[in-house]
Protein backbone atom coordinates (compact mmCIF):
# COMPACT_ATOMS: atom_id res chain seq x y z
CA MET A 1 54.57 215.44 261.83
CA GLY A 2 52.00 214.44 264.29
CA LEU A 3 52.59 211.69 266.89
CA HIS A 4 49.56 209.37 265.13
CA GLN A 5 51.31 209.73 261.90
CA ARG A 6 54.51 208.71 263.33
CA SER A 7 52.87 205.60 264.96
CA ASP A 8 50.95 204.86 261.44
CA ILE A 9 54.32 204.82 259.68
CA LYS A 10 56.41 202.49 262.06
CA GLU A 11 53.39 199.80 261.85
CA LEU A 12 53.71 200.14 258.31
CA LYS A 13 57.55 199.52 258.20
CA LYS A 14 56.66 196.53 260.85
CA SER A 15 54.53 195.34 258.44
CA ALA A 16 56.33 195.40 255.56
CA ARG A 17 59.68 193.75 257.37
CA LEU A 18 57.46 190.86 258.27
CA SER A 19 56.36 190.46 254.67
CA ALA A 20 59.89 190.22 253.77
CA LEU A 21 59.44 193.83 251.59
CA ASP A 22 62.05 196.13 251.33
CA PHE A 23 61.13 199.43 253.31
CA ASP A 24 64.62 200.51 253.83
CA ASP A 25 65.34 203.77 251.32
CA SER A 26 68.48 204.81 253.60
CA LEU A 27 72.14 204.85 251.83
CA LEU A 28 73.36 201.24 253.54
CA GLY A 29 70.19 199.92 252.56
CA ARG A 30 70.02 200.44 249.00
CA TRP A 31 73.63 199.29 249.00
CA LEU A 32 72.56 196.10 250.38
CA HIS A 33 70.06 195.70 247.87
CA THR A 34 72.26 196.27 244.84
CA ASP A 35 73.13 193.40 242.47
CA LEU A 36 76.56 192.10 243.42
CA PRO A 37 78.98 190.15 241.11
CA SER A 38 80.04 186.96 240.53
CA GLY A 39 78.87 184.33 242.75
CA GLN A 40 77.64 186.68 245.26
CA ALA A 41 74.73 187.39 243.09
CA GLN A 42 73.41 183.81 242.03
CA HIS A 43 70.19 184.12 244.24
CA THR A 44 68.92 187.17 243.22
CA GLN A 45 67.05 187.60 239.68
CA PHE A 46 69.59 188.65 236.60
CA THR A 47 69.15 192.31 235.31
CA ASP A 48 71.23 192.82 232.19
CA ASP A 49 73.89 195.76 232.42
CA PRO A 50 73.27 197.80 228.87
CA ALA A 51 76.47 199.23 229.54
CA VAL A 52 78.04 196.37 228.72
CA PRO A 53 79.31 195.35 225.19
CA ALA A 54 78.66 192.25 223.63
CA GLN A 55 82.31 191.71 223.74
CA THR A 56 84.90 193.20 225.77
CA ILE A 57 88.40 192.98 224.75
CA ILE A 58 90.81 194.19 227.70
CA GLY A 59 94.39 195.27 226.74
CA ILE A 60 97.44 196.05 228.50
CA SER A 61 97.91 199.09 230.79
CA TRP A 62 100.11 201.66 229.30
CA GLY A 63 101.13 202.89 232.70
CA HIS A 64 102.16 199.20 233.28
CA LEU A 65 104.17 198.99 230.72
CA ILE A 66 105.91 202.43 230.76
CA PHE A 67 106.53 201.68 234.16
CA ASN A 68 108.41 198.90 233.71
CA LEU A 69 110.56 200.17 231.22
CA VAL A 70 111.73 203.09 232.80
CA MET A 71 113.11 200.78 235.48
CA GLN A 72 114.60 198.52 233.82
CA THR A 73 116.42 201.18 231.84
CA VAL A 74 117.43 202.75 235.18
CA PHE A 75 118.81 199.55 236.49
CA ILE A 76 120.59 199.23 233.09
CA GLY A 77 122.32 202.39 233.56
CA LEU A 78 123.04 201.62 237.30
CA GLY A 79 125.13 198.79 235.81
CA ILE A 80 126.67 200.65 233.32
CA ALA A 81 127.77 203.43 235.55
CA ILE A 82 129.19 200.42 238.06
CA CYS A 83 131.27 199.29 235.25
CA LEU A 84 132.45 202.85 233.97
CA TYR A 85 133.12 205.20 237.34
CA VAL A 86 134.07 202.66 239.40
CA PRO A 87 137.71 203.20 240.46
CA LYS A 88 140.57 200.68 238.19
CA GLU A 89 141.63 199.25 241.30
CA ALA A 90 138.60 198.15 242.74
CA SER A 91 138.17 194.53 242.96
CA SER A 92 137.01 192.82 239.91
CA PHE A 93 133.93 191.76 241.67
CA ILE A 94 132.46 195.00 241.43
CA TYR A 95 132.69 195.23 237.85
CA LEU A 96 131.39 191.63 237.62
CA ILE A 97 128.12 192.48 239.88
CA GLY A 98 127.81 195.38 237.31
CA GLY A 99 128.21 193.17 234.17
CA ILE A 100 125.48 190.90 235.52
CA LEU A 101 123.06 194.06 236.21
CA ILE A 102 123.13 195.00 232.62
CA ALA A 103 122.64 191.47 231.06
CA GLY A 104 120.22 190.74 233.45
CA MET A 105 118.07 194.24 232.98
CA LEU A 106 118.29 193.47 229.42
CA TYR A 107 117.07 190.25 229.12
CA ALA A 108 114.51 191.26 231.32
CA MET A 109 113.33 193.94 228.93
CA TYR A 110 113.80 192.12 226.01
CA THR A 111 111.22 189.27 227.30
CA PHE A 112 108.92 192.40 228.65
CA ILE A 113 108.68 194.02 225.20
CA ARG A 114 108.48 190.42 223.79
CA ASP A 115 105.44 189.52 225.81
CA MET A 116 103.91 192.75 226.67
CA LEU A 117 104.44 194.53 223.25
CA ILE A 118 104.91 191.95 220.47
CA ARG A 119 102.44 189.55 221.83
CA ARG A 120 100.26 192.29 222.72
CA PRO A 121 98.07 189.77 224.99
CA LYS A 122 94.44 190.38 225.04
CA LEU A 123 91.80 189.26 227.47
CA ILE A 124 88.58 188.58 225.98
CA ILE A 125 85.00 188.01 227.32
CA SER A 126 81.50 187.96 226.07
CA LYS A 127 78.87 185.43 226.56
CA GLU A 128 80.39 182.95 224.22
CA GLY A 129 82.75 182.32 226.91
CA ILE A 130 86.36 183.87 228.26
CA GLN A 131 89.91 184.22 225.61
CA THR A 132 93.36 184.18 227.17
CA VAL A 133 96.71 184.43 225.50
CA HIS A 134 98.02 181.62 227.30
CA THR A 135 94.70 178.92 227.24
CA GLY A 136 92.97 180.53 224.22
CA PHE A 137 89.07 180.33 224.09
CA HIS A 138 86.46 178.21 226.49
CA CYS A 139 83.12 178.64 226.16
CA TRP A 140 80.59 179.24 229.80
CA SER A 141 79.97 175.62 229.61
CA GLU A 142 83.42 174.32 230.22
CA ILE A 143 84.10 177.25 232.45
CA GLN A 144 83.81 176.61 236.13
CA ASP A 145 84.45 178.98 239.42
CA GLU A 146 85.45 181.70 237.82
CA LYS A 147 86.80 184.51 240.52
CA ILE A 148 89.36 187.09 241.04
CA ILE A 149 91.32 186.23 244.05
CA ILE A 150 94.13 188.50 245.85
CA ARG A 151 97.28 187.37 246.86
CA ARG A 152 99.61 189.35 248.70
CA THR A 153 103.56 189.76 248.81
CA ARG A 154 105.85 192.31 250.96
CA SER A 155 105.60 194.75 248.37
CA ALA A 156 102.49 194.37 246.26
CA ARG A 157 98.96 193.16 245.79
CA VAL A 158 98.18 190.86 243.27
CA GLU A 159 94.85 190.16 241.55
CA ILE A 160 94.61 186.85 240.01
CA LEU A 161 91.52 185.82 237.36
CA VAL A 162 90.89 181.87 238.27
CA TYR A 163 88.70 179.58 236.63
CA HIS A 164 88.68 175.74 236.28
CA PHE A 165 87.95 173.73 232.68
CA PRO A 166 88.46 170.28 231.74
CA GLY A 167 91.68 169.20 232.63
CA GLU A 168 93.29 172.59 233.66
CA THR A 169 93.32 175.93 236.05
CA GLU A 170 93.76 179.32 234.39
CA ASN A 171 95.33 181.49 237.08
CA LEU A 172 95.71 184.76 234.58
CA THR A 173 97.82 187.78 236.44
CA LEU A 174 95.56 190.80 236.44
CA THR A 175 98.31 193.61 236.83
CA PRO A 176 99.46 194.10 233.08
CA TYR A 177 95.61 194.80 232.02
CA ALA A 178 93.88 198.00 232.19
CA ILE A 179 91.10 196.65 234.19
CA SER A 180 89.95 197.05 238.15
CA GLN A 181 88.89 193.99 240.21
CA ARG A 182 85.39 195.63 240.55
CA GLN A 183 85.17 196.10 236.83
CA ILE A 184 86.17 192.47 235.92
CA GLU A 185 84.11 191.30 238.33
CA ARG A 186 81.22 192.76 237.01
CA LEU A 187 82.22 191.44 233.48
CA LEU A 188 82.02 188.11 234.50
CA TYR A 189 78.87 188.54 236.19
CA VAL A 190 77.00 190.24 233.35
CA TYR A 191 78.59 187.53 230.56
CA ARG A 192 78.01 184.47 232.80
CA ASN A 193 74.04 185.46 233.15
CA ARG A 194 74.03 186.20 229.57
CA SER A 195 75.33 183.09 228.03
CA LYS A 196 72.02 181.30 230.44
CA LEU A 197 69.85 183.30 227.71
CA ILE A 198 71.44 181.65 224.48
């Protein structure tokens, strides 16, 4: 490519920038100009995503279920081992610890099975609105400021779906659900904008 041609290309790019045109075809440039989810894309024109169905039903994560049940079973076994294999001359306080551990883990397992397997919580999102097991269904006209917030503890990173509706706020922990933060942000963005087209 000659010096004159390079100069022409530079002039074209300069003119494009001055005209507020996107002339950046680099990887970073393409990433910066993609649609952003939720509130980040409010100033861009909505482009529907045909891969998003009319309604999305998000169930619980089997990985989360299995992990919790395994851990609870391990602690119940530990409590039983304390009660069975600790020498008889040991302090009664040791047996008390074993009994509390067994009772506590059995109760935790019962509530976990009740909440996760029997009630089978689902998060349902569509262009009509959002439905959760805790607060029921609310249409988009009632919902305000929907977003995903991150709360960090010493041992975990917890993603929470937060939105406001008349007189109340939903704070739904997403840990048990089979969906990532990026996926649910995309769903919220698409369905919120679809609701405006109804």
